[in-house]
N, C-alpha and C. Protein backbone atom coordinates (compact mmCIF):
# COMPACT_ATOMS: atom_id res chain seq x y z
N MET A 1 -166.42 87.79 7.17
CA MET A 1 -165.74 88.91 6.73
C MET A 1 -167.03 89.16 5.21
N ASP A 2 -167.59 90.18 5.32
CA ASP A 2 -168.86 90.54 3.99
C ASP A 2 -167.99 90.89 3.00
N GLU A 3 -168.69 91.29 1.80
CA GLU A 3 -168.03 91.68 0.78
C GLU A 3 -167.09 93.12 0.99
N SER A 4 -168.08 93.95 1.53
CA SER A 4 -167.21 95.29 1.68
C SER A 4 -165.91 95.24 2.48
N GLU A 5 -166.13 94.63 3.25
CA GLU A 5 -164.75 94.32 4.17
C GLU A 5 -163.65 93.50 2.96
N ARG A 6 -164.28 92.95 2.59
CA ARG A 6 -163.12 91.97 1.77
C ARG A 6 -162.22 93.05 0.64
N LEU A 7 -163.19 94.07 0.06
CA LEU A 7 -163.07 94.96 -0.95
C LEU A 7 -162.07 95.81 -0.47
N ARG A 8 -162.19 96.13 0.72
CA ARG A 8 -161.56 97.32 1.64
C ARG A 8 -160.36 96.64 2.22
N ALA A 9 -160.22 95.51 2.21
CA ALA A 9 -159.07 94.82 2.71
C ALA A 9 -158.00 94.41 1.44
N GLU A 10 -158.79 94.17 0.33
CA GLU A 10 -158.02 93.93 -0.68
C GLU A 10 -157.64 95.28 -1.44
N GLU A 11 -158.31 96.44 -1.18
CA GLU A 11 -157.59 97.75 -1.51
C GLU A 11 -156.64 98.12 -0.87
N ARG A 12 -156.68 97.96 0.32
CA ARG A 12 -155.53 98.36 1.36
C ARG A 12 -154.36 97.69 1.03
N ARG A 13 -154.60 96.11 0.71
CA ARG A 13 -153.05 95.76 0.13
C ARG A 13 -152.65 96.06 -0.99
N ARG A 14 -153.38 96.53 -1.79
CA ARG A 14 -153.13 96.62 -2.86
C ARG A 14 -152.22 98.40 -3.12
N GLU A 15 -152.77 99.45 -2.16
CA GLU A 15 -152.11 100.10 -1.90
C GLU A 15 -150.71 99.83 -0.76
N ALA A 16 -150.63 98.94 -0.31
CA ALA A 16 -149.63 98.47 0.26
C ALA A 16 -148.38 98.05 -1.20
N VAL A 17 -148.77 97.37 -1.64
CA VAL A 17 -148.48 96.35 -3.12
C VAL A 17 -147.74 97.70 -3.95
N CYS A 18 -148.49 98.55 -4.07
CA CYS A 18 -148.02 99.73 -4.93
C CYS A 18 -147.32 100.86 -4.20
N SER A 19 -147.16 101.09 -3.16
CA SER A 19 -146.12 101.65 -2.44
C SER A 19 -144.73 101.81 -2.84
N PRO A 20 -143.88 102.83 -2.40
CA PRO A 20 -142.31 103.03 -2.75
C PRO A 20 -141.95 102.23 -1.62
N PHE A 21 -142.26 101.69 -0.65
CA PHE A 21 -141.32 100.58 0.24
C PHE A 21 -141.51 99.17 -0.39
N MET A 22 -142.19 98.98 -1.48
CA MET A 22 -141.88 97.92 -2.15
C MET A 22 -140.85 97.93 -3.01
N ARG A 23 -140.37 99.07 -3.12
CA ARG A 23 -138.63 98.97 -3.75
C ARG A 23 -137.86 98.19 -3.30
N ILE A 24 -137.64 98.17 -1.88
CA ILE A 24 -136.80 97.51 -1.00
C ILE A 24 -137.23 96.12 -1.60
N PRO A 25 -136.31 95.52 -1.96
CA PRO A 25 -136.14 94.02 -2.16
C PRO A 25 -136.72 92.98 -1.01
N ARG A 26 -137.62 91.98 -1.32
CA ARG A 26 -138.30 91.28 -0.34
C ARG A 26 -138.44 92.12 0.82
N PHE A 27 -139.32 93.00 0.93
CA PHE A 27 -140.00 94.06 1.91
C PHE A 27 -141.52 93.08 2.06
N PRO A 28 -141.70 92.98 3.28
CA PRO A 28 -143.34 92.17 3.63
C PRO A 28 -144.06 93.10 3.49
N VAL A 29 -145.18 92.88 2.65
CA VAL A 29 -146.47 94.10 2.37
C VAL A 29 -146.95 94.39 3.52
N ASP A 30 -147.33 93.33 4.61
CA ASP A 30 -147.95 93.80 5.75
C ASP A 30 -147.27 94.77 6.57
N VAL A 31 -145.87 95.15 6.14
CA VAL A 31 -145.04 95.98 7.25
C VAL A 31 -145.34 97.37 6.29
N ALA A 32 -145.01 97.31 4.81
CA ALA A 32 -145.25 98.22 4.38
C ALA A 32 -146.86 99.27 4.66
N ARG A 33 -147.80 98.37 4.67
CA ARG A 33 -149.15 98.46 5.13
C ARG A 33 -149.22 99.29 6.65
N GLU A 34 -148.43 98.88 7.37
CA GLU A 34 -148.59 99.14 8.41
C GLU A 34 -148.03 100.91 8.42
N LEU A 35 -146.65 101.02 7.85
CA LEU A 35 -145.90 102.28 7.48
C LEU A 35 -146.69 103.32 7.37
N LEU A 36 -147.58 102.72 6.16
CA LEU A 36 -148.85 103.60 5.29
C LEU A 36 -149.44 104.02 6.24
N ASP A 37 -150.18 102.99 7.19
CA ASP A 37 -151.18 103.36 8.08
C ASP A 37 -150.64 104.71 9.39
N SER A 38 -149.37 104.31 9.51
CA SER A 38 -148.64 105.12 10.50
C SER A 38 -148.28 106.47 9.90
N GLY A 39 -148.64 106.84 8.84
CA GLY A 39 -148.12 108.28 8.14
C GLY A 39 -146.65 108.47 7.53
N TYR A 40 -146.19 107.23 6.85
CA TYR A 40 -145.12 107.30 6.32
C TYR A 40 -145.51 107.02 5.07
N TYR A 41 -144.74 107.71 4.15
CA TYR A 41 -145.59 107.37 2.18
C TYR A 41 -144.12 107.18 1.58
N ARG A 42 -143.13 107.79 2.24
CA ARG A 42 -141.63 107.70 1.06
C ARG A 42 -140.79 106.74 2.03
N ILE A 43 -139.83 106.27 1.17
CA ILE A 43 -138.76 105.47 2.15
C ILE A 43 -137.65 106.64 2.90
N ASP A 44 -137.54 108.00 2.11
CA ASP A 44 -136.65 108.58 2.93
C ASP A 44 -137.20 109.36 4.13
N GLN A 45 -138.38 109.06 4.47
CA GLN A 45 -138.92 109.51 5.92
C GLN A 45 -138.85 108.69 6.95
N LEU A 46 -138.14 107.45 6.45
CA LEU A 46 -137.60 106.45 7.75
C LEU A 46 -136.10 106.70 7.98
N SER A 47 -135.37 107.27 7.19
CA SER A 47 -133.79 107.69 7.69
C SER A 47 -134.11 108.78 8.69
N GLY A 48 -132.76 108.23 9.55
CA GLY A 48 -132.49 108.77 10.83
C GLY A 48 -133.70 108.22 12.17
N ARG A 49 -134.33 107.13 11.75
CA ARG A 49 -135.46 106.60 12.64
C ARG A 49 -134.79 105.35 13.29
N SER A 50 -135.20 104.94 14.49
CA SER A 50 -134.95 103.65 14.67
C SER A 50 -136.09 102.94 14.69
N ALA A 51 -135.68 101.55 14.28
CA ALA A 51 -136.83 100.42 13.99
C ALA A 51 -137.61 100.39 15.43
N GLU A 52 -137.34 100.70 16.63
CA GLU A 52 -138.03 100.20 17.71
C GLU A 52 -138.86 101.63 17.86
N SER A 53 -138.40 102.56 17.49
CA SER A 53 -139.64 103.83 17.76
C SER A 53 -140.48 103.62 16.84
N LEU A 54 -140.31 102.96 15.48
CA LEU A 54 -141.56 102.77 14.45
C LEU A 54 -142.43 101.54 15.08
N ILE A 55 -141.66 100.55 15.81
CA ILE A 55 -142.31 99.34 16.14
C ILE A 55 -143.49 100.19 17.22
N GLU A 56 -143.11 100.89 17.92
CA GLU A 56 -143.59 101.39 19.15
C GLU A 56 -144.83 102.53 18.62
N GLU A 57 -144.43 103.30 17.59
CA GLU A 57 -145.69 103.76 16.57
C GLU A 57 -146.71 102.88 16.16
N ILE A 58 -146.25 101.90 15.70
CA ILE A 58 -147.38 100.98 15.46
C ILE A 58 -148.08 100.06 16.36
N ARG A 59 -147.00 99.60 17.21
CA ARG A 59 -148.21 99.03 18.07
C ARG A 59 -149.03 100.15 18.86
N GLN A 60 -148.72 101.49 19.25
CA GLN A 60 -149.67 102.22 19.80
C GLN A 60 -151.09 102.52 18.89
N LYS A 61 -150.90 102.38 17.62
CA LYS A 61 -151.77 102.70 16.47
C LYS A 61 -152.73 101.44 16.46
N THR A 62 -151.87 100.16 16.46
CA THR A 62 -153.04 99.00 16.30
C THR A 62 -153.50 98.19 17.66
N LYS A 63 -152.98 98.73 18.88
CA LYS A 63 -153.12 97.93 20.07
C LYS A 63 -152.65 96.48 20.08
N GLU A 64 -151.62 96.40 19.20
CA GLU A 64 -151.46 94.54 19.20
C GLU A 64 -149.92 94.53 19.05
N LYS A 65 -149.40 93.53 19.55
CA LYS A 65 -147.62 93.66 19.32
C LYS A 65 -147.62 93.24 17.95
N PRO A 66 -146.72 93.79 17.34
CA PRO A 66 -146.04 93.34 15.57
C PRO A 66 -145.88 92.18 15.74
N ALA A 67 -145.98 91.57 14.66
CA ALA A 67 -145.46 90.11 14.36
C ALA A 67 -143.73 90.34 14.50
N PRO A 68 -142.99 88.98 14.48
CA PRO A 68 -141.54 89.02 15.03
C PRO A 68 -140.82 89.44 13.65
N HIS A 69 -141.26 89.47 12.43
CA HIS A 69 -140.51 89.92 11.42
C HIS A 69 -140.58 91.08 10.97
N PHE A 70 -141.45 91.87 11.76
CA PHE A 70 -141.30 93.53 11.55
C PHE A 70 -140.18 94.31 11.98
N LEU A 71 -139.75 94.00 13.14
CA LEU A 71 -138.47 94.71 13.92
C LEU A 71 -137.50 94.44 12.44
N PRO A 72 -137.10 93.06 11.99
CA PRO A 72 -135.81 92.99 11.05
C PRO A 72 -136.19 93.76 9.75
N ALA A 73 -137.38 93.54 9.46
CA ALA A 73 -138.04 94.45 8.36
C ALA A 73 -137.80 95.99 8.38
N LEU A 74 -138.05 96.60 9.35
CA LEU A 74 -137.81 97.89 9.73
C LEU A 74 -136.47 98.26 9.53
N ARG A 75 -135.72 97.46 10.26
CA ARG A 75 -134.16 97.86 10.08
C ARG A 75 -133.73 97.79 8.79
N MET A 76 -134.43 96.78 8.01
CA MET A 76 -133.71 96.70 6.63
C MET A 76 -133.96 98.20 5.90
N ALA A 77 -135.59 98.28 6.00
CA ALA A 77 -135.45 99.78 5.70
C ALA A 77 -135.02 101.10 5.94
N ILE A 78 -134.82 101.08 6.99
CA ILE A 78 -133.85 101.99 7.62
C ILE A 78 -132.59 102.11 6.54
N TYR A 79 -131.90 101.06 6.86
CA TYR A 79 -130.47 100.68 6.26
C TYR A 79 -130.80 100.96 4.85
N PHE A 80 -131.95 100.81 4.31
CA PHE A 80 -132.09 101.34 2.64
C PHE A 80 -132.18 102.53 1.94
N SER A 81 -132.98 103.06 3.53
CA SER A 81 -133.07 104.73 3.11
C SER A 81 -132.16 105.54 3.49
N GLU A 82 -130.68 105.00 4.06
CA GLU A 82 -129.86 105.83 4.83
C GLU A 82 -128.78 105.41 3.72
N THR A 83 -128.56 104.35 2.91
CA THR A 83 -127.43 104.09 2.40
C THR A 83 -127.89 104.57 0.64
N PRO A 84 -126.73 104.94 -0.14
CA PRO A 84 -127.09 105.10 -1.18
C PRO A 84 -127.02 104.13 -2.43
N ASN A 85 -125.83 103.30 -2.18
CA ASN A 85 -125.94 102.24 -2.57
C ASN A 85 -125.86 100.54 -1.82
N PRO A 86 -127.12 100.28 -1.50
CA PRO A 86 -126.90 99.22 -0.26
C PRO A 86 -126.39 98.06 -0.68
N ASP A 87 -125.71 97.15 -0.11
CA ASP A 87 -125.16 95.89 -0.35
C ASP A 87 -126.17 95.15 -0.40
N SER A 88 -126.57 94.19 -1.56
CA SER A 88 -127.50 93.30 -1.67
C SER A 88 -127.60 92.11 -0.85
N LYS A 89 -126.36 91.85 0.03
CA LYS A 89 -126.48 90.77 0.93
C LYS A 89 -126.96 90.93 1.90
N LYS A 90 -127.47 92.50 2.22
CA LYS A 90 -128.08 93.12 3.82
C LYS A 90 -129.43 93.04 3.27
N LEU A 91 -130.16 92.80 1.95
CA LEU A 91 -131.37 93.30 1.70
C LEU A 91 -131.88 91.92 2.16
N PHE A 92 -131.87 91.24 3.05
CA PHE A 92 -132.32 89.56 3.62
C PHE A 92 -132.77 90.01 5.16
N LEU A 93 -134.08 89.71 5.26
CA LEU A 93 -134.60 90.07 6.73
C LEU A 93 -133.79 89.24 7.38
N ASP A 94 -133.34 88.23 7.35
CA ASP A 94 -132.46 87.57 8.35
C ASP A 94 -131.06 88.25 8.85
N GLN A 95 -130.84 89.05 7.89
CA GLN A 95 -129.47 89.53 7.98
C GLN A 95 -129.70 90.79 9.14
N TRP A 96 -130.87 91.20 9.53
CA TRP A 96 -131.22 91.82 10.49
C TRP A 96 -132.10 91.66 12.10
N VAL A 97 -132.30 90.03 12.10
CA VAL A 97 -132.70 89.63 13.24
C VAL A 97 -131.68 90.14 14.71
């Protein structure tokens, strides 16, 4: 990876870390990055969506199978977006497997 690619990767990670998705406790940065790349910029945009349809959007965009932790992370994000006072016990990925 040359210097310009490294800087671009660093900037993309910074954008994901600073995104609203990181307000979700323990949310994976790589999933936030894929949501941003898919055109989602706010948590409320996930309300009413299914995790499976989001996975399919990501798969079509990247042409690769997303990592196994993507599905539980997206389920947790949808729960967070649809619940005014989310239960803190449900904000762990292993609760959504």
